[in-house]
Amino acid sequence: MPIEIPAAEGTAEALVARPSNTTGRPVPGVILYMDAFGLRPRIQEMAQRIADWGYVVLAPNVFYRDGSIAELAPAMDMSTQEGRETAGKAAFPRVRRLTPDKALPDIDAWVSALAGLDDVAPGPIGTTGYCMGARLAVRTATSHPEVVAACGGFHGGGLATDEPDSPHLGLENARARFVFGHADNDRSMGPDAVDRLGSALRSAGLEASNEIYAGAPHGYTMADTSAFHPEATERHFQELRALLDGTLKA
């Protein structure tokens, strides 16, 4: 179900997924950050699968400054390599424009919106992100340590760079449990970056899994693209569910 959220620089649409077999009792909330290709049926499918584990899932249109969900939806078939590359060329400028100084006030809005949903239980929340959304998930955990108890990041890029605003540098502020499932041979998150991220997690004393999924390409969870890797996708769902259940339902 789509809703509208007052964000830092306008009104943002968001998708909300709720358990199919609801008991009527409030359940924990989760923020799902989309990949660069935006909110679309695949993201709705993933949000619903997570919701059916017993969560309310909020998936915001983090690119609301650039257009609505409908306006930004990929217009081509991304199941071919050519189509995926064409969609990427359209999406990547939006990704570059979503700088931390813009993302952080928006994150405040997403956290507040999730807490304001009637069927979300008070207490800790989880977050998970894909591709560039993994950076947003980490920034949510590091900027809201008092509420974020679980953070997943899958085929993320740029999580641990040499830049002064790299997401990993904020991990000392976090209290969440983390699970990272990195793509194999990923130019945006190579082995050195994975090691840097792991060192930051250990230095912060955080409970975390930081694994490269062998043979899984960047974008492996996205079933509507040529990068889809079914085995890695199922592994990600298993590890994400264990993370959420172990922190938000314990």
C-alpha atoms as a PDB file:
ATOM      1  CA  MET A   1       0.000   0.000   0.000  1.00  0.00           C
ATOM      2  CA  PRO A   2       1.526   3.378  -0.976  1.00  0.00           C
ATOM      3  CA  ILE A   3       1.626   6.251   1.493  1.00  0.00           C
ATOM      4  CA  GLU A   4       3.060   9.771   1.443  1.00  0.00           C
ATOM      5  CA  ILE A   5       5.714  10.994   3.867  1.00  0.00           C
ATOM      6  CA  PRO A   6       6.735  14.604   4.592  1.00  0.00           C
ATOM      7  CA  ALA A   7      10.461  14.426   3.845  1.00  0.00           C
ATOM      8  CA  ALA A   8      13.259  16.972   4.078  1.00  0.00           C
ATOM      9  CA  GLU A   9      12.620  18.598   0.697  1.00  0.00           C
ATOM     10  CA  GLY A  10       9.074  17.646  -0.228  1.00  0.00           C
ATOM     11  CA  THR A  11       6.616  14.789  -0.095  1.00  0.00           C
ATOM     12  CA  ALA A  12       7.940  11.289  -0.699  1.00  0.00           C
ATOM     13  CA  GLU A  13       5.964   8.235  -1.653  1.00  0.00           C
ATOM     14  CA  ALA A  14       6.637   4.962   0.118  1.00  0.00           C
ATOM     15  CA  LEU A  15       5.416   1.398  -0.155  1.00  0.00           C
ATOM     16  CA  VAL A  16       4.168  -0.340   2.975  1.00  0.00           C
ATOM     17  CA  ALA A  17       3.920  -4.120   3.269  1.00  0.00           C
ATOM     18  CA  ARG A  18       2.107  -5.836   6.131  1.00  0.00           C
ATOM     19  CA  PRO A  19       1.805  -9.501   7.125  1.00  0.00           C
ATOM     20  CA  SER A  20      -0.674 -11.344   4.919  1.00  0.00           C
ATOM     21  CA  ASN A  21      -2.010 -13.258   7.927  1.00  0.00           C
ATOM     22  CA  THR A  22      -2.261 -10.457  10.447  1.00  0.00           C
ATOM     23  CA  THR A  23      -3.280 -11.084  14.040  1.00  0.00           C
ATOM     24  CA  GLY A  24      -4.213  -7.482  14.628  1.00  0.00           C
ATOM     25  CA  ARG A  25      -1.382  -7.026  17.111  1.00  0.00           C
ATOM     26  CA  PRO A  26       1.399  -4.492  16.425  1.00  0.00           C
ATOM     27  CA  VAL A  27       4.577  -6.008  15.008  1.00  0.00           C
ATOM     28  CA  PRO A  28       8.154  -4.715  14.643  1.00  0.00           C
ATOM     29  CA  GLY A  29       8.978  -2.320  11.834  1.00  0.00           C
ATOM     30  CA  VAL A  30      11.622  -2.581   9.120  1.00  0.00           C
ATOM     31  CA  ILE A  31      12.855   0.019   6.627  1.00  0.00           C
ATOM     32  CA  LEU A  32      13.806  -1.431   3.242  1.00  0.00           C
ATOM     33  CA  TYR A  33      16.045   0.689   1.033  1.00  0.00           C
ATOM     34  CA  MET A  34      15.703  -0.035  -2.678  1.00  0.00           C
ATOM     35  CA  ASP A  35      18.478  -0.382  -5.199  1.00  0.00           C
ATOM     36  CA  ALA A  36      19.333   2.253  -7.801  1.00  0.00           C
ATOM     37  CA  PHE A  37      16.503   1.183 -10.100  1.00  0.00           C
ATOM     38  CA  GLY A  38      13.840   2.413  -7.697  1.00  0.00           C
ATOM     39  CA  LEU A  39      10.545   1.205  -6.291  1.00  0.00           C
ATOM     40  CA  ARG A  40       8.880  -1.308  -8.590  1.00  0.00           C
ATOM     41  CA  PRO A  41       7.129  -4.682  -8.397  1.00  0.00           C
ATOM     42  CA  ARG A  42      10.318  -6.558  -7.451  1.00  0.00           C
ATOM     43  CA  ILE A  43      10.873  -4.315  -4.418  1.00  0.00           C
ATOM     44  CA  GLN A  44       7.224  -4.771  -3.443  1.00  0.00           C
ATOM     45  CA  GLU A  45       7.681  -8.556  -3.673  1.00  0.00           C
ATOM     46  CA  MET A  46      10.736  -8.459  -1.433  1.00  0.00           C
ATOM     47  CA  ALA A  47       9.038  -6.177   1.076  1.00  0.00           C
ATOM     48  CA  GLN A  48       6.019  -8.498   1.220  1.00  0.00           C
ATOM     49  CA  ARG A  49       8.172 -11.561   1.776  1.00  0.00           C
ATOM     50  CA  ILE A  50       9.814  -9.851   4.736  1.00  0.00           C
ATOM     51  CA  ALA A  51       6.438  -8.637   6.009  1.00  0.00           C
ATOM     52  CA  ASP A  52       5.104 -12.179   5.980  1.00  0.00           C
ATOM     53  CA  TRP A  53       7.760 -13.108   8.527  1.00  0.00           C
ATOM     54  CA  GLY A  54       5.833 -10.853  10.926  1.00  0.00           C
ATOM     55  CA  TYR A  55       6.909  -7.271  10.221  1.00  0.00           C
ATOM     56  CA  VAL A  56       5.617  -4.012   8.815  1.00  0.00           C
ATOM     57  CA  VAL A  57       8.002  -2.963   6.046  1.00  0.00           C
ATOM     58  CA  LEU A  58       8.402   0.612   4.810  1.00  0.00           C
ATOM     59  CA  ALA A  59      10.163   1.110   1.449  1.00  0.00           C
ATOM     60  CA  PRO A  60      10.590   4.855   0.750  1.00  0.00           C
ATOM     61  CA  ASN A  61      11.186   6.471  -2.622  1.00  0.00           C
ATOM     62  CA  VAL A  62      14.556   7.927  -1.674  1.00  0.00           C
ATOM     63  CA  PHE A  63      14.734   9.616  -5.093  1.00  0.00           C
ATOM     64  CA  TYR A  64      11.590  11.690  -4.503  1.00  0.00           C
ATOM     65  CA  ARG A  65      13.462  14.865  -5.425  1.00  0.00           C
ATOM     66  CA  ASP A  66      13.800  13.491  -8.960  1.00  0.00           C
ATOM     67  CA  GLY A  67      10.252  12.266  -9.465  1.00  0.00           C
ATOM     68  CA  SER A  68       7.443   9.976  -8.386  1.00  0.00           C
ATOM     69  CA  ILE A  69       7.579   6.192  -8.248  1.00  0.00           C
ATOM     70  CA  ALA A  70       5.804   5.998 -11.591  1.00  0.00           C
ATOM     71  CA  GLU A  71       8.006   8.606 -13.243  1.00  0.00           C
ATOM     72  CA  LEU A  72      11.233   6.926 -12.170  1.00  0.00           C
ATOM     73  CA  ALA A  73      10.234   3.324 -12.875  1.00  0.00           C
ATOM     74  CA  PRO A  74      12.540   1.602 -15.388  1.00  0.00           C
ATOM     75  CA  ALA A  75      11.013   1.739 -18.855  1.00  0.00           C
ATOM     76  CA  MET A  76      13.059  -1.102 -20.307  1.00  0.00           C
ATOM     77  CA  ASP A  77      13.450  -4.848 -19.830  1.00  0.00           C
ATOM     78  CA  MET A  78      16.289  -5.190 -17.314  1.00  0.00           C
ATOM     79  CA  SER A  79      16.432  -8.978 -17.661  1.00  0.00           C
ATOM     80  CA  THR A  80      18.931  -8.458 -20.488  1.00  0.00           C
ATOM     81  CA  GLN A  81      22.414  -7.111 -19.886  1.00  0.00           C
ATOM     82  CA  GLU A  82      21.785  -4.301 -22.361  1.00  0.00           C
ATOM     83  CA  GLY A  83      18.542  -3.303 -20.682  1.00  0.00           C
ATOM     84  CA  ARG A  84      20.104  -3.333 -17.237  1.00  0.00           C
ATOM     85  CA  GLU A  85      22.997  -1.158 -18.408  1.00  0.00           C
ATOM     86  CA  THR A  86      20.590   1.298 -20.039  1.00  0.00           C
ATOM     87  CA  ALA A  87      18.555   1.528 -16.839  1.00  0.00           C
ATOM     88  CA  GLY A  88      21.750   2.050 -14.885  1.00  0.00           C
ATOM     89  CA  LYS A  89      22.795   4.999 -17.015  1.00  0.00           C
ATOM     90  CA  ALA A  90      19.464   6.648 -16.196  1.00  0.00           C
ATOM     91  CA  ALA A  91      19.634   5.841 -12.491  1.00  0.00           C
ATOM     92  CA  PHE A  92      23.241   6.527 -11.554  1.00  0.00           C
ATOM     93  CA  PRO A  93      23.026  10.346 -11.744  1.00  0.00           C
ATOM     94  CA  ARG A  94      20.236  10.186  -9.149  1.00  0.00           C
ATOM     95  CA  VAL A  95      22.419   8.024  -6.941  1.00  0.00           C
ATOM     96  CA  ARG A  96      25.277  10.524  -7.116  1.00  0.00           C
ATOM     97  CA  ARG A  97      22.957  13.392  -6.224  1.00  0.00           C
ATOM     98  CA  LEU A  98      21.754  11.654  -3.060  1.00  0.00           C
ATOM     99  CA  THR A  99      24.664  12.844  -0.943  1.00  0.00           C
ATOM    100  CA  PRO A 100      24.878  12.213   2.810  1.00  0.00           C
ATOM    101  CA  ASP A 101      23.792  15.779   3.621  1.00  0.00           C
ATOM    102  CA  LYS A 102      20.538  15.040   1.768  1.00  0.00           C
ATOM    103  CA  ALA A 103      20.143  11.437   2.852  1.00  0.00           C
ATOM    104  CA  LEU A 104      20.460  11.975   6.606  1.00  0.00           C
ATOM    105  CA  PRO A 105      17.496  14.366   7.050  1.00  0.00           C
ATOM    106  CA  ASP A 106      15.440  12.015   4.910  1.00  0.00           C
ATOM    107  CA  ILE A 107      16.428   9.088   7.112  1.00  0.00           C
ATOM    108  CA  ASP A 108      14.995  10.989  10.079  1.00  0.00           C
ATOM    109  CA  ALA A 109      11.720  11.216   8.149  1.00  0.00           C
ATOM    110  CA  TRP A 110      11.672   7.508   7.270  1.00  0.00           C
ATOM    111  CA  VAL A 111      12.303   6.477  10.882  1.00  0.00           C
ATOM    112  CA  SER A 112       9.563   8.808  12.133  1.00  0.00           C
ATOM    113  CA  ALA A 113       7.112   7.625   9.481  1.00  0.00           C
ATOM    114  CA  LEU A 114       7.667   3.969  10.369  1.00  0.00           C
ATOM    115  CA  ALA A 115       7.156   4.674  14.065  1.00  0.00           C
ATOM    116  CA  GLY A 116       3.946   6.532  13.239  1.00  0.00           C
ATOM    117  CA  LEU A 117       2.240   3.597  11.537  1.00  0.00           C
ATOM    118  CA  ASP A 118      -0.559   2.270  13.735  1.00  0.00           C
ATOM    119  CA  ASP A 119       0.421  -1.373  13.453  1.00  0.00           C
ATOM    120  CA  VAL A 120       4.122  -0.925  14.205  1.00  0.00           C
ATOM    121  CA  ALA A 121       5.068  -1.968  17.718  1.00  0.00           C
ATOM    122  CA  PRO A 122       7.061   0.479  19.833  1.00  0.00           C
ATOM    123  CA  GLY A 123      10.642  -0.552  20.316  1.00  0.00           C
ATOM    124  CA  PRO A 124      13.626  -1.414  18.142  1.00  0.00           C
ATOM    125  CA  ILE A 125      13.444  -1.517  14.353  1.00  0.00           C
ATOM    126  CA  GLY A 126      15.416  -3.166  11.584  1.00  0.00           C
ATOM    127  CA  THR A 127      16.684  -1.948   8.248  1.00  0.00           C
ATOM    128  CA  THR A 128      17.958  -3.612   5.106  1.00  0.00           C
ATOM    129  CA  GLY A 129      19.330  -2.148   1.903  1.00  0.00           C
ATOM    130  CA  TYR A 130      20.383  -3.228  -1.567  1.00  0.00           C
ATOM    131  CA  CYS A 131      23.069  -1.787  -3.843  1.00  0.00           C
ATOM    132  CA  MET A 132      23.253   1.912  -2.917  1.00  0.00           C
ATOM    133  CA  GLY A 133      20.434   1.223  -0.429  1.00  0.00           C
ATOM    134  CA  ALA A 134      22.927  -0.683   1.723  1.00  0.00           C
ATOM    135  CA  ARG A 135      24.701   2.610   2.379  1.00  0.00           C
ATOM    136  CA  LEU A 136      21.420   4.138   3.508  1.00  0.00           C
ATOM    137  CA  ALA A 137      20.748   1.179   5.780  1.00  0.00           C
ATOM    138  CA  VAL A 138      24.143   1.612   7.456  1.00  0.00           C
ATOM    139  CA  ARG A 139      23.616   5.360   7.816  1.00  0.00           C
ATOM    140  CA  THR A 140      20.236   4.651   9.418  1.00  0.00           C
ATOM    141  CA  ALA A 141      21.861   2.360  11.975  1.00  0.00           C
ATOM    142  CA  THR A 142      24.654   4.825  12.742  1.00  0.00           C
ATOM    143  CA  SER A 143      22.463   7.939  12.926  1.00  0.00           C
ATOM    144  CA  HIS A 144      19.679   6.292  14.961  1.00  0.00           C
ATOM    145  CA  PRO A 145      21.505   3.838  17.229  1.00  0.00           C
ATOM    146  CA  GLU A 146      18.846   4.165  19.912  1.00  0.00           C
ATOM    147  CA  VAL A 147      16.212   2.457  17.746  1.00  0.00           C
ATOM    148  CA  VAL A 148      17.985   0.404  15.043  1.00  0.00           C
ATOM    149  CA  ALA A 149      18.784  -3.058  16.381  1.00  0.00           C
ATOM    150  CA  ALA A 150      19.303  -4.886  13.083  1.00  0.00           C
ATOM    151  CA  CYS A 151      20.938  -3.803   9.827  1.00  0.00           C
ATOM    152  CA  GLY A 152      21.376  -5.819   6.654  1.00  0.00           C
ATOM    153  CA  GLY A 153      23.286  -4.786   3.547  1.00  0.00           C
ATOM    154  CA  PHE A 154      23.317  -6.882   0.379  1.00  0.00           C
ATOM    155  CA  HIS A 155      25.375  -6.389  -2.799  1.00  0.00           C
ATOM    156  CA  GLY A 156      26.127  -2.943  -1.398  1.00  0.00           C
ATOM    157  CA  GLY A 157      28.605  -0.567  -2.966  1.00  0.00           C
ATOM    158  CA  GLY A 158      30.785   2.107  -1.399  1.00  0.00           C
ATOM    159  CA  LEU A 159      30.312   0.954   2.183  1.00  0.00           C
ATOM    160  CA  ALA A 160      33.957   1.429   3.140  1.00  0.00           C
ATOM    161  CA  THR A 161      35.850   3.947   1.048  1.00  0.00           C
ATOM    162  CA  ASP A 162      38.675   6.423   1.590  1.00  0.00           C
ATOM    163  CA  GLU A 163      36.235   9.340   1.588  1.00  0.00           C
ATOM    164  CA  PRO A 164      35.719  11.308   4.828  1.00  0.00           C
ATOM    165  CA  ASP A 165      31.985  10.558   4.757  1.00  0.00           C
ATOM    166  CA  SER A 166      32.276   6.821   4.096  1.00  0.00           C
ATOM    167  CA  PRO A 167      29.433   4.927   5.813  1.00  0.00           C
ATOM    168  CA  HIS A 168      31.768   2.617   7.731  1.00  0.00           C
ATOM    169  CA  LEU A 169      33.268   5.522   9.661  1.00  0.00           C
ATOM    170  CA  GLY A 170      30.067   5.947  11.655  1.00  0.00           C
ATOM    171  CA  LEU A 171      29.968   2.368  12.918  1.00  0.00           C
ATOM    172  CA  GLU A 172      31.464   3.369  16.253  1.00  0.00           C
ATOM    173  CA  ASN A 173      28.102   5.016  16.980  1.00  0.00           C
ATOM    174  CA  ALA A 174      26.003   1.954  16.138  1.00  0.00           C
ATOM    175  CA  ARG A 175      24.506  -0.624  18.483  1.00  0.00           C
ATOM    176  CA  ALA A 176      22.843  -2.861  15.904  1.00  0.00           C
ATOM    177  CA  ARG A 177      23.680  -6.366  14.798  1.00  0.00           C
ATOM    178  CA  PHE A 178      24.849  -6.357  11.164  1.00  0.00           C
ATOM    179  CA  VAL A 179      24.699  -8.845   8.315  1.00  0.00           C
ATOM    180  CA  PHE A 180      26.449  -8.093   5.025  1.00  0.00           C
ATOM    181  CA  GLY A 181      26.226 -10.301   1.942  1.00  0.00           C
ATOM    182  CA  HIS A 182      28.647  -8.897  -0.618  1.00  0.00           C
ATOM    183  CA  ALA A 183      28.659  -9.633  -4.318  1.00  0.00           C
ATOM    184  CA  ASP A 184      31.646 -11.504  -5.713  1.00  0.00           C
ATOM    185  CA  ASN A 185      34.174  -9.581  -7.829  1.00  0.00           C
ATOM    186  CA  ASP A 186      32.254  -6.361  -7.164  1.00  0.00           C
ATOM    187  CA  ARG A 187      34.109  -3.282  -8.389  1.00  0.00           C
ATOM    188  CA  SER A 188      32.056  -1.109  -6.025  1.00  0.00           C
ATOM    189  CA  MET A 189      32.948  -3.242  -2.979  1.00  0.00           C
ATOM    190  CA  GLY A 190      36.128  -5.198  -3.574  1.00  0.00           C
ATOM    191  CA  PRO A 191      37.968  -7.472  -1.130  1.00  0.00           C
ATOM    192  CA  ASP A 192      39.993  -4.589   0.342  1.00  0.00           C
ATOM    193  CA  ALA A 193      36.794  -2.669   1.060  1.00  0.00           C
ATOM    194  CA  VAL A 194      35.187  -5.753   2.600  1.00  0.00           C
ATOM    195  CA  ASP A 195      38.235  -6.117   4.861  1.00  0.00           C
ATOM    196  CA  ARG A 196      38.069  -2.427   5.786  1.00  0.00           C
ATOM    197  CA  LEU A 197      34.418  -2.812   6.690  1.00  0.00           C
ATOM    198  CA  GLY A 198      35.165  -5.886   8.762  1.00  0.00           C
ATOM    199  CA  SER A 199      37.902  -4.052  10.656  1.00  0.00           C
ATOM    200  CA  ALA A 200      35.532  -1.188  11.435  1.00  0.00           C
ATOM    201  CA  LEU A 201      32.874  -3.611  12.697  1.00  0.00           C
ATOM    202  CA  ARG A 202      35.389  -5.347  14.951  1.00  0.00           C
ATOM    203  CA  SER A 203      36.835  -2.073  16.235  1.00  0.00           C
ATOM    204  CA  ALA A 204      33.339  -0.932  17.169  1.00  0.00           C
ATOM    205  CA  GLY A 205      32.722  -4.201  19.024  1.00  0.00           C
ATOM    206  CA  LEU A 206      29.663  -4.998  16.920  1.00  0.00           C
ATOM    207  CA  GLU A 207      28.169  -8.418  16.311  1.00  0.00           C
ATOM    208  CA  ALA A 208      28.321  -8.875  12.559  1.00  0.00           C
ATOM    209  CA  SER A 209      28.559 -11.198   9.585  1.00  0.00           C
ATOM    210  CA  ASN A 210      30.565  -9.800   6.671  1.00  0.00           C
ATOM    211  CA  GLU A 211      30.659 -12.374   3.883  1.00  0.00           C
ATOM    212  CA  ILE A 212      31.293 -12.456   0.141  1.00  0.00           C
ATOM    213  CA  TYR A 213      28.733 -14.670  -1.622  1.00  0.00           C
ATOM    214  CA  ALA A 214      30.852 -16.715  -4.010  1.00  0.00           C
ATOM    215  CA  GLY A 215      29.732 -16.459  -7.607  1.00  0.00           C
ATOM    216  CA  ALA A 216      27.007 -13.899  -6.892  1.00  0.00           C
ATOM    217  CA  PRO A 217      27.133 -10.778  -9.095  1.00  0.00           C
ATOM    218  CA  HIS A 218      26.319  -7.256  -8.025  1.00  0.00           C
ATOM    219  CA  GLY A 219      22.532  -6.973  -7.905  1.00  0.00           C
ATOM    220  CA  TYR A 220      22.019 -10.685  -7.251  1.00  0.00           C
ATOM    221  CA  THR A 221      18.697 -10.309  -5.381  1.00  0.00           C
ATOM    222  CA  MET A 222      16.934  -8.447  -8.173  1.00  0.00           C
ATOM    223  CA  ALA A 223      14.860 -11.030 -10.031  1.00  0.00           C
ATOM    224  CA  ASP A 224      13.830  -8.510 -12.686  1.00  0.00           C
ATOM    225  CA  THR A 225      17.409  -7.970 -13.854  1.00  0.00           C
ATOM    226  CA  SER A 226      20.112  -9.948 -15.626  1.00  0.00           C
ATOM    227  CA  ALA A 227      22.116 -10.048 -12.366  1.00  0.00           C
ATOM    228  CA  PHE A 228      19.656 -12.312 -10.553  1.00  0.00           C
ATOM    229  CA  HIS A 229      21.275 -15.227  -8.715  1.00  0.00           C
ATOM    230  CA  PRO A 230      18.605 -17.460  -7.120  1.00  0.00           C
ATOM    231  CA  GLU A 231      20.897 -19.288  -4.693  1.00  0.00           C
ATOM    232  CA  ALA A 232      22.481 -16.123  -3.347  1.00  0.00           C
ATOM    233  CA  THR A 233      19.071 -14.503  -3.087  1.00  0.00           C
ATOM    234  CA  GLU A 234      17.715 -17.339  -0.955  1.00  0.00           C
ATOM    235  CA  ARG A 235      20.826 -17.258   1.222  1.00  0.00           C
ATOM    236  CA  HIS A 236      20.274 -13.535   1.741  1.00  0.00           C
ATOM    237  CA  PHE A 237      16.644 -14.079   2.773  1.00  0.00           C
ATOM    238  CA  GLN A 238      17.657 -16.781   5.256  1.00  0.00           C
ATOM    239  CA  GLU A 239      20.363 -14.635   6.825  1.00  0.00           C
ATOM    240  CA  LEU A 240      18.163 -11.546   6.889  1.00  0.00           C
ATOM    241  CA  ARG A 241      15.321 -13.406   8.587  1.00  0.00           C
ATOM    242  CA  ALA A 242      17.671 -14.810  11.210  1.00  0.00           C
ATOM    243  CA  LEU A 243      18.984 -11.295  11.836  1.00  0.00           C
ATOM    244  CA  LEU A 244      15.538  -9.709  12.182  1.00  0.00           C
ATOM    245  CA  ASP A 245      13.987 -12.507  14.219  1.00  0.00           C
ATOM    246  CA  GLY A 246      17.014 -12.724  16.492  1.00  0.00           C
ATOM    247  CA  THR A 247      17.000  -9.014  17.324  1.00  0.00           C
ATOM    248  CA  LEU A 248      13.428  -7.754  16.965  1.00  0.00           C
ATOM    249  CA  LYS A 249      11.561 -10.808  18.278  1.00  0.00           C
ATOM    250  CA  ALA A 250      14.020 -12.104  20.848  1.00  0.00           C
END
